[in-house]
């Protein structure tokens, strides 16, 4: 484990000195996020599809070492819209020429889901959820400094149907004195 950490620290420090930018730079982009339609007080799933630039990989959300930077989404939803239970895919266990241990990584495309739940009091309409994805990209020779990329998707809060149709609490017994 110490060898892994030493090699990663050396690779990262070398990368800090030569941060690439432009077309050949490592990047992760949100390529698809459908509008989530939900009624007040109910839940729906937001699915976000990301693409990692060719030739690069990023640490998974649960890397094999606590010293590696996990990929993580952070949301900044509008008032009265809650996001919870964010689910990341399992990382692919890969080996690289510079390490003996396997790393848990994402490459190509990957999906992240999160539960969206507007409060019962929210007004119908379309709301924009902003956030950012934090990641650390590497290629087969070196790792680059951690970066963030902005994300956004829409939540359409539809009017609740009249009549409710759901279960209601039974009426209180008239024999209970207050």
Foldseek 3Di string as FASTA:
>chain_A
DVLVVVLQVVQAVVQAVPQDDDDVHKDKDFDDWAAAEEAAQDKDKTKTKIFIDPQKKWADQDKPDPPHDHKDKDKDWDPQKDKDDKDWDWFDFDDAPSDPGTIRIDHGMTMIMIMIHGHNPDDFDKTKMKIKIWIWMDGRRGTHDIDIDIDMHIYGHDYQDPPNPDDDDDDDDPPDDD
